[in-house]
Amino acid sequence: IESTMIRAVFRIISSSLKMGTAAAGQSVEVMLKYLEKIRKVNKQLVNLLSKNLSMMKATAIFFAPLVCAVIIVLFQLISKSIASSQTKALSAGYEGATAILAAPEISPAILQLIVGLYALALNFVLVRYVSKINYGSDKTALNSELTLSFMATIVIFTSALIIGRATMVGTL
């Protein structure tokens, strides 16, 4: 975008130079005021968006992996409760109760993989969006942001899983 703007400015200056130096001076003055107004508007937009963008980034890096890990731990807790209830119902002679208390068809490991990939995909989308707004088309900044956020997401997700499973051991 900036390179096309620079080309347009030079094109206007060169065409106004054909009309004389006074016209070229006026064109440069008008363009300078215009570019200053654009810069002010851009700063105001960044200030207005900064809170939303930081919240989006916090959601992608911290809250989403934490919630995803809690979902997996709760799923495992519910699965263990259902299995325990089925065992108690069978030992008590209630064969019909096992149909009501059906165990989930998905394994916790598969759910962990799906939810973990979801957390990474959400991280990619949100951090990429925030990075595009903050840094424009700077691919180095984008890649740096994505790398750091992926590492943080994986660490938070794994830590929350470990802590959740450790606390879950004492519940059943």
Protein backbone atom coordinates (compact mmCIF):
# COMPACT_ATOMS: atom_id res chain seq x y z
CA ILE A 1 0.00 0.00 0.00
CA GLU A 2 2.78 2.40 0.91
CA SER A 3 4.67 1.80 -2.32
CA THR A 4 1.57 2.55 -4.40
CA MET A 5 1.04 5.73 -2.37
CA ILE A 6 4.64 6.78 -2.96
CA ARG A 7 4.25 6.16 -6.70
CA ALA A 8 1.05 8.20 -6.75
CA VAL A 9 2.73 11.08 -4.90
CA PHE A 10 5.65 11.12 -7.34
CA ARG A 11 3.26 10.94 -10.27
CA ILE A 12 1.33 13.95 -8.95
CA ILE A 13 4.54 15.90 -8.31
CA SER A 14 5.91 15.15 -11.76
CA SER A 15 2.67 16.15 -13.46
CA SER A 16 2.43 19.34 -11.37
CA LEU A 17 6.04 20.22 -12.24
CA LYS A 18 4.92 20.43 -15.86
CA MET A 19 2.58 23.25 -14.79
CA GLY A 20 5.33 25.12 -12.99
CA THR A 21 7.12 25.27 -9.68
CA ALA A 22 4.32 27.16 -7.95
CA ALA A 23 1.82 24.43 -8.83
CA ALA A 24 4.32 21.77 -7.74
CA GLY A 25 4.80 23.57 -4.40
CA GLN A 26 1.07 23.76 -3.82
CA SER A 27 0.68 20.07 -4.70
CA VAL A 28 3.42 19.08 -2.27
CA GLU A 29 1.84 21.20 0.48
CA VAL A 30 -1.61 19.67 -0.05
CA MET A 31 -0.18 16.14 -0.15
CA LEU A 32 1.81 16.76 3.04
CA LYS A 33 -1.32 17.87 4.90
CA TYR A 34 -3.20 14.87 3.52
CA LEU A 35 -0.49 12.41 4.59
CA GLU A 36 -0.32 13.98 8.07
CA LYS A 37 -4.09 13.54 8.45
CA ILE A 38 -3.81 9.92 7.31
CA ARG A 39 -1.08 9.31 9.90
CA LYS A 40 -3.22 10.85 12.68
CA VAL A 41 -6.23 8.75 11.70
CA ASN A 42 -4.03 5.65 11.61
CA LYS A 43 -2.70 6.38 15.12
CA GLN A 44 -6.23 6.93 16.43
CA LEU A 45 -7.39 3.63 14.91
CA VAL A 46 -4.48 1.76 16.46
CA ASN A 47 -5.25 3.32 19.86
CA LEU A 48 -8.93 2.43 19.58
CA LEU A 49 -8.17 -1.13 18.53
CA SER A 50 -5.32 -1.77 20.97
CA LYS A 51 -7.54 -3.01 23.82
CA ASN A 52 -9.51 -5.33 21.55
CA LEU A 53 -6.38 -6.63 19.87
CA SER A 54 -4.62 -7.33 23.17
CA MET A 55 -7.71 -9.17 24.44
CA MET A 56 -7.84 -11.24 21.25
CA LYS A 57 -4.19 -12.13 21.68
CA ALA A 58 -4.70 -13.04 25.35
CA THR A 59 -7.64 -15.22 24.36
CA ALA A 60 -5.59 -17.00 21.72
CA ILE A 61 -2.52 -17.53 23.88
CA PHE A 62 -3.92 -18.06 27.38
CA PHE A 63 -7.68 -18.49 27.72
CA ALA A 64 -8.37 -20.81 24.77
CA PRO A 65 -5.70 -23.41 25.69
CA LEU A 66 -6.76 -23.26 29.33
CA VAL A 67 -10.43 -23.82 28.51
CA CYS A 68 -9.56 -26.58 26.04
CA ALA A 69 -7.51 -28.39 28.69
CA VAL A 70 -10.34 -28.05 31.22
CA ILE A 71 -12.76 -29.54 28.66
CA ILE A 72 -10.53 -32.58 28.24
CA VAL A 73 -10.12 -33.06 32.00
CA LEU A 74 -13.88 -32.76 32.54
CA PHE A 75 -14.51 -35.23 29.72
CA GLN A 76 -12.17 -37.72 31.38
CA LEU A 77 -13.84 -37.14 34.73
CA ILE A 78 -17.29 -37.74 33.23
CA SER A 79 -16.07 -40.83 31.37
CA LYS A 80 -14.65 -42.29 34.59
CA SER A 81 -17.87 -41.51 36.45
CA ILE A 82 -19.96 -43.23 33.78
CA ALA A 83 -17.69 -46.28 33.80
CA SER A 84 -17.85 -46.43 37.59
CA SER A 85 -21.66 -46.12 37.54
CA GLN A 86 -21.92 -48.87 34.91
CA THR A 87 -19.79 -51.17 37.03
CA LYS A 88 -21.89 -50.46 40.13
CA ALA A 89 -25.13 -50.96 38.16
CA LEU A 90 -23.93 -54.30 36.75
CA SER A 91 -22.75 -55.53 40.14
CA ALA A 92 -26.12 -54.59 41.65
CA GLY A 93 -27.95 -56.48 38.90
CA TYR A 94 -29.38 -53.52 36.95
CA GLU A 95 -28.54 -54.54 33.38
CA GLY A 96 -30.99 -51.99 31.91
CA ALA A 97 -29.12 -49.11 33.55
CA THR A 98 -26.03 -49.76 31.42
CA ALA A 99 -27.94 -48.74 28.29
CA ILE A 100 -28.78 -45.40 29.88
CA LEU A 101 -25.24 -44.88 31.12
CA ALA A 102 -23.47 -45.39 27.79
CA ALA A 103 -19.79 -44.59 27.72
CA PRO A 104 -18.63 -41.93 25.22
CA GLU A 105 -17.60 -43.31 21.85
CA ILE A 106 -14.56 -41.06 21.48
CA SER A 107 -11.41 -41.80 23.42
CA PRO A 108 -9.87 -39.10 25.59
CA ALA A 109 -6.65 -39.23 23.55
CA ILE A 110 -8.52 -38.50 20.30
CA LEU A 111 -10.47 -35.70 21.97
CA GLN A 112 -7.21 -34.28 23.31
CA LEU A 113 -5.74 -34.29 19.80
CA ILE A 114 -8.82 -32.63 18.28
CA VAL A 115 -9.14 -29.98 20.97
CA GLY A 116 -5.38 -29.31 20.96
CA LEU A 117 -5.41 -28.79 17.20
CA TYR A 118 -8.42 -26.52 17.62
CA ALA A 119 -6.51 -24.41 20.18
CA LEU A 120 -3.56 -24.11 17.78
CA ALA A 121 -5.83 -23.22 14.84
CA LEU A 122 -7.61 -20.59 16.93
CA ASN A 123 -4.22 -19.24 17.97
CA PHE A 124 -3.09 -19.08 14.34
CA VAL A 125 -6.19 -17.22 13.17
CA LEU A 126 -6.35 -14.69 16.02
CA VAL A 127 -2.62 -13.97 16.29
CA ARG A 128 -2.32 -13.66 12.51
CA TYR A 129 -5.21 -11.18 12.48
CA VAL A 130 -3.74 -9.12 15.32
CA SER A 131 -0.31 -9.20 13.71
CA LYS A 132 -1.67 -8.05 10.35
CA ILE A 133 -3.31 -5.07 12.03
CA ASN A 134 -0.29 -4.20 14.19
CA TYR A 135 2.54 -4.84 11.71
CA GLY A 136 0.91 -4.75 8.28
CA SER A 137 2.54 -7.03 5.76
CA ASP A 138 5.74 -7.60 7.77
CA LYS A 139 6.21 -11.37 7.44
CA THR A 140 9.08 -11.48 9.92
CA ALA A 141 6.95 -9.92 12.67
CA LEU A 142 4.07 -12.27 11.79
CA ASN A 143 6.27 -15.36 11.94
CA SER A 144 7.86 -14.20 15.20
CA GLU A 145 4.44 -13.57 16.79
CA LEU A 146 3.12 -16.93 15.61
CA THR A 147 6.18 -18.81 16.86
CA LEU A 148 6.04 -17.26 20.31
CA SER A 149 2.29 -17.66 20.60
CA PHE A 150 2.38 -21.32 19.47
CA MET A 151 5.00 -22.12 22.10
CA ALA A 152 3.01 -20.32 24.80
CA THR A 153 -0.21 -22.06 23.76
CA ILE A 154 1.40 -25.49 23.85
CA VAL A 155 3.00 -24.84 27.25
CA ILE A 156 -0.26 -23.53 28.77
CA PHE A 157 -2.33 -26.34 27.26
CA THR A 158 0.07 -29.04 28.44
CA SER A 159 0.50 -27.50 31.90
CA ALA A 160 -3.25 -27.18 32.38
CA LEU A 161 -3.72 -30.81 31.31
CA ILE A 162 -1.06 -32.03 33.72
CA ILE A 163 -2.42 -29.98 36.62
CA GLY A 164 -6.02 -30.98 35.81
CA ARG A 165 -5.18 -34.66 35.63
CA ALA A 166 -3.15 -34.46 38.83
CA THR A 167 -6.09 -32.91 40.69
CA MET A 168 -8.53 -35.34 39.07
CA VAL A 169 -6.69 -38.38 40.47
CA GLY A 170 -7.96 -37.61 43.96
CA THR A 171 -11.57 -37.01 42.91
CA LEU A 172 -12.55 -40.58 42.00
